[in-house]
Amino acid sequence: MSAFHWTLSPCIYYNRSKADYERKEKMAQRIIRQSGDEVLRRRAAAVGRITPGIRVLLDDMAETMYAADGVGLAAPQVGISKRLVVIDVRDEHGLLKLVNPEIVDKDGAVVAVEGCLSFPGVAGEVERAETVTVKALDEEGRPVEITANGLLARAFQHEIDHLDGILFVDKVIRFVNEDEAEENNEDV
């Protein structure tokens, strides 16, 4: 697996079958917007009502993320300027579909290698908070609050940055080559 898909240290590999992520209606993969697309630089609009269309978009985003071997995807990455993210770091939280997520607390700092589905072939060291608390709504409109550390904390920060038009390359301390990124991923 290439190290340049929203891959972080430690690397979590995608090992799901299609049967692990089923849904009654047909899901669709969306095109992931790439570096230079203006939608990636815009602050996304808050979602007022969670409609069936929003739920379908969240499902499509999850399907797109899994197909690209990612651990997170924000709506602007599929061309929709709405405050929506999907994240699955393959832990006890499973797939998270979040509406209007915001970081309400953070603590500590840690540097790790990141990449991004919108920047294929690019990886770099980024400093992020070690622990974050995120408030959001789930896809049914219920409030959720999650305190996370490690990969999930990093994924929250990366994806919420996308909602504010901030890209990981804006925060890179040092770009790394593929060999260095692979070395970081082998530490697991």
N, C-alpha and C. Protein backbone atom coordinates (compact mmCIF):
# COMPACT_ATOMS: atom_id res chain seq x y z
N MET A 1 0.84 -1.18 0.00
CA MET A 1 0.00 0.00 0.00
C MET A 1 0.88 1.23 0.00
N SER A 2 0.54 2.18 -0.81
CA SER A 2 1.30 3.43 -0.84
C SER A 2 1.16 4.17 0.47
N ALA A 3 2.20 4.81 0.90
CA ALA A 3 2.19 5.53 2.17
C ALA A 3 1.53 6.89 2.05
N PHE A 4 1.07 7.26 0.89
CA PHE A 4 0.62 8.63 0.70
C PHE A 4 -0.88 8.79 0.64
N HIS A 5 -1.63 7.85 1.14
CA HIS A 5 -3.06 8.04 1.34
C HIS A 5 -3.21 8.47 2.78
N TRP A 6 -3.84 9.50 3.09
CA TRP A 6 -4.12 9.99 4.44
C TRP A 6 -3.57 8.97 5.45
N THR A 7 -2.32 8.64 5.28
CA THR A 7 -1.65 7.64 6.09
C THR A 7 -0.88 8.34 7.18
N LEU A 8 -0.96 7.81 8.35
CA LEU A 8 -0.29 8.41 9.50
C LEU A 8 0.54 7.37 10.19
N SER A 9 1.39 7.82 11.06
CA SER A 9 2.12 6.89 11.91
C SER A 9 1.40 6.85 13.25
N PRO A 10 0.89 5.73 13.72
CA PRO A 10 1.01 4.42 13.10
C PRO A 10 0.03 4.25 11.95
N CYS A 11 0.42 3.45 10.99
CA CYS A 11 -0.39 3.23 9.81
C CYS A 11 -1.48 2.21 10.12
N ILE A 12 -2.67 2.48 9.69
CA ILE A 12 -3.77 1.55 9.83
C ILE A 12 -4.16 1.15 8.41
N TYR A 13 -4.11 -0.11 8.12
CA TYR A 13 -4.41 -0.58 6.77
C TYR A 13 -5.89 -0.91 6.65
N TYR A 14 -6.42 -0.70 5.47
CA TYR A 14 -7.82 -0.97 5.17
C TYR A 14 -7.98 -2.45 4.87
N ASN A 15 -8.73 -3.15 5.73
CA ASN A 15 -8.91 -4.58 5.55
C ASN A 15 -10.39 -4.96 5.54
N ARG A 16 -11.25 -4.08 5.10
CA ARG A 16 -12.68 -4.38 5.08
C ARG A 16 -13.09 -4.96 3.74
N SER A 17 -14.05 -5.84 3.79
CA SER A 17 -14.65 -6.31 2.55
C SER A 17 -15.89 -5.46 2.29
N LYS A 18 -16.42 -5.53 1.11
CA LYS A 18 -17.64 -4.78 0.79
C LYS A 18 -18.77 -5.19 1.73
N ALA A 19 -18.78 -6.45 2.16
CA ALA A 19 -19.84 -6.92 3.05
C ALA A 19 -19.79 -6.24 4.41
N ASP A 20 -18.62 -5.75 4.80
CA ASP A 20 -18.50 -5.06 6.08
C ASP A 20 -19.15 -3.69 6.07
N TYR A 21 -19.41 -3.15 4.90
CA TYR A 21 -20.02 -1.83 4.82
C TYR A 21 -21.16 -1.89 3.82
N GLU A 22 -22.32 -2.37 4.31
CA GLU A 22 -23.46 -2.53 3.44
C GLU A 22 -24.52 -1.49 3.75
N ARG A 23 -25.34 -1.26 2.80
CA ARG A 23 -26.45 -0.33 2.96
C ARG A 23 -27.52 -0.74 1.97
N LYS A 24 -28.79 -0.53 2.32
CA LYS A 24 -29.86 -0.99 1.45
C LYS A 24 -29.89 -0.26 0.12
N GLU A 25 -29.72 1.06 0.14
CA GLU A 25 -29.70 1.80 -1.12
C GLU A 25 -28.31 1.72 -1.73
N LYS A 26 -28.24 2.03 -3.00
CA LYS A 26 -26.95 2.00 -3.70
C LYS A 26 -26.10 3.21 -3.29
N MET A 27 -24.87 2.95 -2.93
CA MET A 27 -23.93 4.02 -2.61
C MET A 27 -23.15 4.37 -3.86
N ALA A 28 -22.58 5.55 -3.83
CA ALA A 28 -21.79 5.98 -4.98
C ALA A 28 -20.45 6.51 -4.51
N GLN A 29 -19.44 6.19 -5.26
CA GLN A 29 -18.14 6.80 -4.98
C GLN A 29 -18.11 8.16 -5.65
N ARG A 30 -17.56 9.12 -4.94
CA ARG A 30 -17.44 10.47 -5.46
C ARG A 30 -16.01 10.70 -5.93
N ILE A 31 -15.83 11.70 -6.76
CA ILE A 31 -14.48 12.06 -7.21
C ILE A 31 -13.84 12.90 -6.12
N ILE A 32 -12.63 12.54 -5.74
CA ILE A 32 -11.89 13.29 -4.72
C ILE A 32 -11.21 14.46 -5.39
N ARG A 33 -11.52 15.65 -4.90
CA ARG A 33 -10.93 16.88 -5.44
C ARG A 33 -9.45 16.93 -5.08
N GLN A 34 -8.66 17.42 -6.00
CA GLN A 34 -7.21 17.42 -5.85
C GLN A 34 -6.69 18.83 -5.58
N SER A 35 -5.44 18.89 -5.16
CA SER A 35 -4.74 20.14 -4.90
C SER A 35 -5.02 21.14 -6.02
N GLY A 36 -5.32 22.37 -5.65
CA GLY A 36 -5.60 23.41 -6.62
C GLY A 36 -7.08 23.67 -6.82
N ASP A 37 -7.94 22.74 -6.42
CA ASP A 37 -9.38 22.94 -6.54
C ASP A 37 -9.82 23.98 -5.50
N GLU A 38 -10.52 25.01 -5.95
CA GLU A 38 -10.91 26.11 -5.08
C GLU A 38 -11.77 25.69 -3.90
N VAL A 39 -12.59 24.65 -4.04
CA VAL A 39 -13.47 24.22 -2.95
C VAL A 39 -12.66 23.81 -1.72
N LEU A 40 -11.43 23.37 -1.92
CA LEU A 40 -10.59 22.95 -0.79
C LEU A 40 -10.13 24.12 0.05
N ARG A 41 -10.19 25.33 -0.48
CA ARG A 41 -9.73 26.52 0.24
C ARG A 41 -10.86 27.34 0.85
N ARG A 42 -12.10 26.92 0.64
CA ARG A 42 -13.24 27.66 1.18
C ARG A 42 -13.64 27.13 2.55
N ARG A 43 -14.12 28.04 3.42
CA ARG A 43 -14.71 27.61 4.69
C ARG A 43 -16.07 27.00 4.35
N ALA A 44 -16.29 25.78 4.80
CA ALA A 44 -17.54 25.08 4.51
C ALA A 44 -18.69 25.64 5.34
N ALA A 45 -19.88 25.59 4.78
CA ALA A 45 -21.09 26.08 5.45
C ALA A 45 -21.61 25.05 6.44
N ALA A 46 -22.15 25.55 7.54
CA ALA A 46 -22.77 24.66 8.53
C ALA A 46 -24.00 24.00 7.91
N VAL A 47 -24.30 22.81 8.38
CA VAL A 47 -25.49 22.08 7.94
C VAL A 47 -26.62 22.47 8.88
N GLY A 48 -27.73 22.97 8.32
CA GLY A 48 -28.88 23.37 9.12
C GLY A 48 -29.74 22.19 9.51
N ARG A 49 -30.19 21.44 8.52
CA ARG A 49 -31.03 20.26 8.76
C ARG A 49 -30.35 19.04 8.17
N ILE A 50 -30.47 17.94 8.88
CA ILE A 50 -29.93 16.68 8.36
C ILE A 50 -31.04 16.01 7.57
N THR A 51 -30.93 16.11 6.27
CA THR A 51 -31.93 15.60 5.35
C THR A 51 -31.52 14.22 4.84
N PRO A 52 -32.42 13.52 4.17
CA PRO A 52 -32.01 12.26 3.54
C PRO A 52 -30.84 12.47 2.57
N GLY A 53 -30.80 13.61 1.89
CA GLY A 53 -29.69 13.89 0.98
C GLY A 53 -28.36 14.00 1.70
N ILE A 54 -28.37 14.58 2.90
CA ILE A 54 -27.14 14.67 3.72
C ILE A 54 -26.70 13.27 4.12
N ARG A 55 -27.66 12.42 4.51
CA ARG A 55 -27.31 11.04 4.90
C ARG A 55 -26.71 10.26 3.72
N VAL A 56 -27.28 10.45 2.54
CA VAL A 56 -26.73 9.79 1.34
C VAL A 56 -25.32 10.30 1.07
N LEU A 57 -25.12 11.61 1.19
CA LEU A 57 -23.79 12.18 0.99
C LEU A 57 -22.79 11.58 1.97
N LEU A 58 -23.17 11.46 3.25
CA LEU A 58 -22.27 10.85 4.24
C LEU A 58 -21.93 9.41 3.86
N ASP A 59 -22.93 8.66 3.41
CA ASP A 59 -22.68 7.28 2.98
C ASP A 59 -21.74 7.24 1.76
N ASP A 60 -21.98 8.13 0.80
CA ASP A 60 -21.12 8.20 -0.38
C ASP A 60 -19.69 8.57 0.02
N MET A 61 -19.56 9.49 0.97
CA MET A 61 -18.23 9.89 1.44
C MET A 61 -17.51 8.70 2.08
N ALA A 62 -18.24 7.91 2.87
CA ALA A 62 -17.62 6.74 3.50
C ALA A 62 -17.17 5.75 2.43
N GLU A 63 -18.02 5.49 1.46
CA GLU A 63 -17.66 4.56 0.38
C GLU A 63 -16.43 5.06 -0.37
N THR A 64 -16.39 6.36 -0.63
CA THR A 64 -15.26 6.97 -1.33
C THR A 64 -13.99 6.85 -0.51
N MET A 65 -14.09 7.12 0.79
CA MET A 65 -12.94 7.03 1.69
C MET A 65 -12.39 5.59 1.71
N TYR A 66 -13.28 4.61 1.88
CA TYR A 66 -12.83 3.22 1.91
C TYR A 66 -12.19 2.80 0.59
N ALA A 67 -12.80 3.20 -0.52
CA ALA A 67 -12.26 2.83 -1.83
C ALA A 67 -10.88 3.42 -2.06
N ALA A 68 -10.59 4.56 -1.43
CA ALA A 68 -9.29 5.21 -1.59
C ALA A 68 -8.31 4.82 -0.49
N ASP A 69 -8.69 3.87 0.35
CA ASP A 69 -7.85 3.42 1.46
C ASP A 69 -7.52 4.55 2.43
N GLY A 70 -8.47 5.45 2.65
CA GLY A 70 -8.26 6.54 3.58
C GLY A 70 -8.83 6.23 4.95
N VAL A 71 -8.51 7.11 5.90
CA VAL A 71 -9.10 7.00 7.24
C VAL A 71 -10.01 8.18 7.54
N GLY A 72 -10.06 9.16 6.65
CA GLY A 72 -10.92 10.31 6.85
C GLY A 72 -11.18 11.02 5.54
N LEU A 73 -12.33 11.69 5.48
CA LEU A 73 -12.69 12.46 4.29
C LEU A 73 -13.66 13.55 4.72
N ALA A 74 -13.44 14.75 4.24
CA ALA A 74 -14.32 15.89 4.50
C ALA A 74 -15.11 16.20 3.24
N ALA A 75 -16.32 16.73 3.42
CA ALA A 75 -17.19 17.01 2.27
C ALA A 75 -16.52 17.89 1.21
N PRO A 76 -15.73 18.92 1.57
CA PRO A 76 -15.08 19.69 0.51
C PRO A 76 -14.20 18.84 -0.41
N GLN A 77 -13.69 17.73 0.10
CA GLN A 77 -12.84 16.87 -0.72
C GLN A 77 -13.62 16.16 -1.82
N VAL A 78 -14.94 16.14 -1.70
CA VAL A 78 -15.77 15.60 -2.78
C VAL A 78 -16.57 16.72 -3.44
N GLY A 79 -16.12 17.96 -3.25
CA GLY A 79 -16.70 19.09 -3.95
C GLY A 79 -17.92 19.72 -3.30
N ILE A 80 -18.24 19.32 -2.07
CA ILE A 80 -19.42 19.85 -1.38
C ILE A 80 -18.96 20.69 -0.19
N SER A 81 -19.27 21.97 -0.22
CA SER A 81 -18.80 22.88 0.82
C SER A 81 -19.77 22.89 2.01
N LYS A 82 -19.85 21.75 2.69
CA LYS A 82 -20.69 21.56 3.89
C LYS A 82 -19.81 21.01 4.99
N ARG A 83 -20.20 21.27 6.24
CA ARG A 83 -19.41 20.83 7.40
C ARG A 83 -19.78 19.38 7.76
N LEU A 84 -19.24 18.47 6.98
CA LEU A 84 -19.46 17.03 7.15
C LEU A 84 -18.13 16.31 7.05
N VAL A 85 -17.91 15.32 7.92
CA VAL A 85 -16.72 14.48 7.82
C VAL A 85 -17.10 13.04 8.10
N VAL A 86 -16.33 12.14 7.51
CA VAL A 86 -16.39 10.72 7.86
C VAL A 86 -14.98 10.30 8.25
N ILE A 87 -14.90 9.49 9.30
CA ILE A 87 -13.61 9.03 9.80
C ILE A 87 -13.76 7.59 10.26
N ASP A 88 -12.80 6.77 9.92
CA ASP A 88 -12.73 5.41 10.45
C ASP A 88 -11.27 5.02 10.59
N VAL A 89 -10.77 5.05 11.82
CA VAL A 89 -9.38 4.68 12.08
C VAL A 89 -9.29 3.22 12.54
N ARG A 90 -10.36 2.48 12.31
CA ARG A 90 -10.41 1.04 12.62
C ARG A 90 -10.16 0.79 14.11
N ASP A 91 -10.90 1.52 14.95
CA ASP A 91 -10.82 1.31 16.40
C ASP A 91 -12.22 1.05 16.93
N GLU A 92 -12.38 1.16 18.25
CA GLU A 92 -13.67 0.85 18.87
C GLU A 92 -14.78 1.81 18.44
N HIS A 93 -14.44 2.97 17.91
CA HIS A 93 -15.46 3.92 17.47
C HIS A 93 -16.09 3.52 16.14
N GLY A 94 -15.39 2.73 15.34
CA GLY A 94 -15.90 2.36 14.03
C GLY A 94 -16.02 3.57 13.13
N LEU A 95 -16.93 3.49 12.18
CA LEU A 95 -17.15 4.59 11.23
C LEU A 95 -17.88 5.72 11.93
N LEU A 96 -17.29 6.91 11.87
CA LEU A 96 -17.92 8.11 12.42
C LEU A 96 -18.38 8.98 11.27
N LYS A 97 -19.66 9.33 11.27
CA LYS A 97 -20.23 10.27 10.30
C LYS A 97 -20.67 11.47 11.11
N LEU A 98 -19.97 12.59 10.94
CA LEU A 98 -20.20 13.74 11.80
C LEU A 98 -20.67 14.96 11.02
N VAL A 99 -21.62 15.65 11.62
CA VAL A 99 -22.20 16.86 11.05
C VAL A 99 -21.80 18.03 11.94
N ASN A 100 -21.30 19.09 11.34
CA ASN A 100 -20.88 20.30 12.05
C ASN A 100 -19.90 20.01 13.20
N PRO A 101 -18.86 19.23 12.95
CA PRO A 101 -17.92 18.93 14.04
C PRO A 101 -17.09 20.16 14.40
N GLU A 102 -16.78 20.26 15.69
CA GLU A 102 -15.90 21.33 16.15
C GLU A 102 -15.05 20.81 17.29
N ILE A 103 -13.82 21.27 17.32
CA ILE A 103 -12.92 20.93 18.42
C ILE A 103 -13.19 21.90 19.55
N VAL A 104 -13.54 21.36 20.73
CA VAL A 104 -13.87 22.21 21.87
C VAL A 104 -12.77 22.22 22.92
N ASP A 105 -11.84 21.28 22.82
CA ASP A 105 -10.72 21.25 23.76
C ASP A 105 -9.58 20.48 23.11
N LYS A 106 -8.36 20.87 23.44
CA LYS A 106 -7.20 20.13 22.96
C LYS A 106 -6.07 20.27 23.97
N ASP A 107 -5.16 19.28 23.93
CA ASP A 107 -4.07 19.26 24.89
C ASP A 107 -2.86 18.56 24.27
N GLY A 108 -1.69 19.00 24.69
CA GLY A 108 -0.45 18.37 24.26
C GLY A 108 -0.12 18.67 22.81
N ALA A 109 0.99 18.11 22.38
CA ALA A 109 1.42 18.27 20.99
C ALA A 109 2.26 17.07 20.59
N VAL A 110 2.08 16.64 19.36
CA VAL A 110 2.84 15.51 18.84
C VAL A 110 3.04 15.73 17.33
N VAL A 111 4.20 15.34 16.85
CA VAL A 111 4.51 15.44 15.42
C VAL A 111 4.45 14.05 14.82
N ALA A 112 3.76 13.92 13.69
CA ALA A 112 3.69 12.65 12.97
C ALA A 112 3.54 12.94 11.48
N VAL A 113 3.77 11.91 10.69
CA VAL A 113 3.67 12.02 9.23
C VAL A 113 2.21 11.90 8.81
N GLU A 114 1.79 12.81 7.94
CA GLU A 114 0.45 12.77 7.37
C GLU A 114 0.55 12.82 5.85
N GLY A 115 -0.53 12.40 5.25
CA GLY A 115 -0.75 12.56 3.83
C GLY A 115 -2.20 12.97 3.67
N CYS A 116 -2.67 13.05 2.45
CA CYS A 116 -4.05 13.49 2.21
C CYS A 116 -4.51 12.95 0.87
N LEU A 117 -5.75 12.49 0.83
CA LEU A 117 -6.30 11.97 -0.42
C LEU A 117 -6.36 13.04 -1.51
N SER A 118 -6.39 14.31 -1.12
CA SER A 118 -6.40 15.40 -2.09
C SER A 118 -5.00 15.79 -2.56
N PHE A 119 -3.98 15.18 -1.96
CA PHE A 119 -2.58 15.45 -2.33
C PHE A 119 -1.85 14.12 -2.52
N PRO A 120 -2.22 13.35 -3.53
CA PRO A 120 -1.56 12.05 -3.72
C PRO A 120 -0.06 12.22 -3.92
N GLY A 121 0.69 11.34 -3.27
CA GLY A 121 2.14 11.36 -3.41
C GLY A 121 2.85 12.37 -2.53
N VAL A 122 2.12 13.07 -1.66
CA VAL A 122 2.72 14.07 -0.79
C VAL A 122 2.54 13.64 0.66
N ALA A 123 3.62 13.72 1.43
CA ALA A 123 3.56 13.41 2.86
C ALA A 123 4.49 14.35 3.60
N GLY A 124 4.15 14.61 4.84
CA GLY A 124 5.00 15.49 5.63
C GLY A 124 4.70 15.40 7.10
N GLU A 125 5.65 15.86 7.89
CA GLU A 125 5.49 15.88 9.34
C GLU A 125 4.64 17.09 9.72
N VAL A 126 3.63 16.84 10.55
CA VAL A 126 2.71 17.88 10.98
C VAL A 126 2.56 17.79 12.50
N GLU A 127 2.63 18.94 13.17
CA GLU A 127 2.38 18.97 14.61
C GLU A 127 0.89 19.17 14.83
N ARG A 128 0.33 18.33 15.68
CA ARG A 128 -1.09 18.39 16.04
C ARG A 128 -1.21 18.22 17.55
N ALA A 129 -2.36 18.59 18.09
CA ALA A 129 -2.64 18.32 19.50
C ALA A 129 -2.66 16.82 19.71
N GLU A 130 -2.19 16.40 20.87
CA GLU A 130 -2.15 14.97 21.19
C GLU A 130 -3.54 14.44 21.52
N THR A 131 -4.33 15.25 22.20
CA THR A 131 -5.68 14.87 22.61
C THR A 131 -6.64 15.99 22.23
N VAL A 132 -7.80 15.62 21.69
CA VAL A 132 -8.83 16.60 21.36
C VAL A 132 -10.19 16.10 21.82
N THR A 133 -11.06 17.04 22.10
CA THR A 133 -12.47 16.74 22.34
C THR A 133 -13.26 17.40 21.23
N VAL A 134 -14.10 16.61 20.59
CA VAL A 134 -14.89 17.08 19.45
C VAL A 134 -16.37 16.95 19.79
N LYS A 135 -17.12 18.01 19.49
CA LYS A 135 -18.58 17.97 19.59
C LYS A 135 -19.12 18.05 18.17
N ALA A 136 -20.19 17.30 17.93
CA ALA A 136 -20.81 17.27 16.61
C ALA A 136 -22.20 16.68 16.75
N LEU A 137 -22.86 16.52 15.62
CA LEU A 137 -24.10 15.76 15.54
C LEU A 137 -23.79 14.50 14.75
N ASP A 138 -24.46 13.39 15.12
CA ASP A 138 -24.33 12.19 14.29
C ASP A 138 -25.30 12.31 13.12
N GLU A 139 -25.36 11.31 12.28
CA GLU A 139 -26.19 11.40 11.08
C GLU A 139 -27.69 11.43 11.37
N GLU A 140 -28.07 11.11 12.61
CA GLU A 140 -29.47 11.18 13.02
C GLU A 140 -29.79 12.49 13.73
N GLY A 141 -28.79 13.36 13.88
CA GLY A 141 -29.01 14.64 14.53
C GLY A 141 -28.80 14.63 16.03
N ARG A 142 -28.32 13.52 16.57
CA ARG A 142 -28.06 13.42 18.01
C ARG A 142 -26.70 14.02 18.33
N PRO A 143 -26.61 14.79 19.43
CA PRO A 143 -25.31 15.35 19.80
C PRO A 143 -24.35 14.26 20.26
N VAL A 144 -23.10 14.38 19.85
CA VAL A 144 -22.05 13.47 20.29
C VAL A 144 -20.86 14.30 20.75
N GLU A 145 -20.15 13.75 21.71
CA GLU A 145 -18.89 14.35 22.17
C GLU A 145 -17.89 13.22 22.30
N ILE A 146 -16.76 13.37 21.65
CA ILE A 146 -15.73 12.33 21.66
C ILE A 146 -14.41 12.95 22.05
N THR A 147 -13.78 12.36 23.07
CA THR A 147 -12.41 12.73 23.42
C THR A 147 -11.50 11.66 22.84
N ALA A 148 -10.52 12.10 22.08
CA ALA A 148 -9.68 11.15 21.35
C ALA A 148 -8.22 11.53 21.47
N ASN A 149 -7.38 10.51 21.33
CA ASN A 149 -5.94 10.75 21.22
C ASN A 149 -5.43 9.87 20.09
N GLY A 150 -4.13 9.97 19.84
CA GLY A 150 -3.53 9.14 18.81
C GLY A 150 -4.07 9.45 17.42
N LEU A 151 -4.24 8.41 16.64
CA LEU A 151 -4.66 8.55 15.25
C LEU A 151 -6.02 9.21 15.11
N LEU A 152 -6.96 8.88 15.99
CA LEU A 152 -8.29 9.49 15.89
C LEU A 152 -8.22 11.00 16.14
N ALA A 153 -7.45 11.42 17.13
CA ALA A 153 -7.28 12.86 17.39
C ALA A 153 -6.69 13.56 16.17
N ARG A 154 -5.70 12.95 15.56
CA ARG A 154 -5.06 13.52 14.37
C ARG A 154 -6.05 13.58 13.21
N ALA A 155 -6.84 12.53 13.03
CA ALA A 155 -7.82 12.52 11.94
C ALA A 155 -8.87 13.61 12.14
N PHE A 156 -9.36 13.77 13.38
CA PHE A 156 -10.31 14.85 13.65
C PHE A 156 -9.73 16.20 13.23
N GLN A 157 -8.52 16.48 13.66
CA GLN A 157 -7.90 17.78 13.37
C GLN A 157 -7.70 17.98 11.87
N HIS A 158 -7.23 16.95 11.20
CA HIS A 158 -6.98 17.03 9.75
C HIS A 158 -8.29 17.32 9.00
N GLU A 159 -9.34 16.56 9.32
CA GLU A 159 -10.60 16.70 8.58
C GLU A 159 -11.30 18.01 8.93
N ILE A 160 -11.28 18.43 10.18
CA ILE A 160 -11.91 19.70 10.56
C ILE A 160 -11.15 20.86 9.93
N ASP A 161 -9.84 20.75 9.81
CA ASP A 161 -9.08 21.76 9.07
C ASP A 161 -9.63 21.90 7.64
N HIS A 162 -9.92 20.77 6.99
CA HIS A 162 -10.49 20.83 5.64
C HIS A 162 -11.76 21.68 5.61
N LEU A 163 -12.57 21.58 6.66
CA LEU A 163 -13.83 22.34 6.71
C LEU A 163 -13.58 23.84 6.81
N ASP A 164 -12.40 24.21 7.26
CA ASP A 164 -12.04 25.62 7.39
C ASP A 164 -11.14 26.10 6.25
N GLY A 165 -10.97 25.27 5.23
CA GLY A 165 -10.14 25.64 4.08
C GLY A 165 -8.65 25.57 4.36
N ILE A 166 -8.28 24.85 5.42
CA ILE A 166 -6.87 24.69 5.80
C ILE A 166 -6.43 23.30 5.35
N LEU A 167 -5.32 23.23 4.66
CA LEU A 167 -4.82 21.96 4.14
C LEU A 167 -3.59 21.52 4.91
N PHE A 168 -3.36 20.22 4.98
CA PHE A 168 -2.24 19.73 5.76
C PHE A 168 -0.91 20.30 5.27
N VAL A 169 -0.80 20.58 3.97
CA VAL A 169 0.45 21.14 3.45
C VAL A 169 0.73 22.53 4.02
N ASP A 170 -0.30 23.21 4.51
CA ASP A 170 -0.12 24.51 5.15
C ASP A 170 0.60 24.37 6.49
N LYS A 171 0.53 23.18 7.08
CA LYS A 171 1.06 22.95 8.41
C LYS A 171 2.30 22.07 8.44
N VAL A 172 2.74 21.62 7.27
CA VAL A 172 3.88 20.70 7.22
C VAL A 172 5.13 21.38 7.76
N ILE A 173 5.79 20.69 8.68
CA ILE A 173 7.07 21.15 9.22
C ILE A 173 8.19 20.76 8.26
N ARG A 174 8.07 19.52 7.75
CA ARG A 174 9.08 18.99 6.84
C ARG A 174 8.41 17.95 5.96
N PHE A 175 8.56 18.12 4.65
CA PHE A 175 8.05 17.11 3.73
C PHE A 175 8.97 15.90 3.79
N VAL A 176 8.39 14.71 3.63
CA VAL A 176 9.19 13.48 3.68
C VAL A 176 9.00 12.73 2.37
N ASN A 177 10.02 11.95 2.03
CA ASN A 177 9.91 11.14 0.82
C ASN A 177 9.20 9.83 1.14
N GLU A 178 8.91 9.07 0.11
CA GLU A 178 8.14 7.83 0.28
C GLU A 178 8.84 6.84 1.21
N ASP A 179 10.17 6.74 1.12
CA ASP A 179 10.91 5.82 1.99
C ASP A 179 10.76 6.20 3.46
N GLU A 180 10.87 7.49 3.75
CA GLU A 180 10.71 7.95 5.14
C GLU A 180 9.29 7.71 5.64
N ALA A 181 8.31 7.95 4.79
CA ALA A 181 6.93 7.73 5.18
C ALA A 181 6.69 6.25 5.46
N GLU A 182 7.24 5.37 4.62
CA GLU A 182 7.10 3.93 4.83
C GLU A 182 7.76 3.51 6.14
N GLU A 183 8.92 4.09 6.47
CA GLU A 183 9.59 3.77 7.73
C GLU A 183 8.70 4.13 8.91
N ASN A 184 8.04 5.27 8.86
CA ASN A 184 7.13 5.66 9.93
C ASN A 184 6.00 4.66 10.07
N ASN A 185 5.51 4.13 8.95
CA ASN A 185 4.40 3.20 8.98
C ASN A 185 4.81 1.81 9.45
N GLU A 186 6.08 1.48 9.36
CA GLU A 186 6.55 0.16 9.80
C GLU A 186 6.76 0.10 11.30
N ASP A 187 6.60 1.21 12.00
CA ASP A 187 6.79 1.22 13.45
C ASP A 187 5.65 0.53 14.19
N VAL A 188 4.59 0.16 13.50
CA VAL A 188 3.44 -0.45 14.15
C VAL A 188 3.79 -1.86 14.61
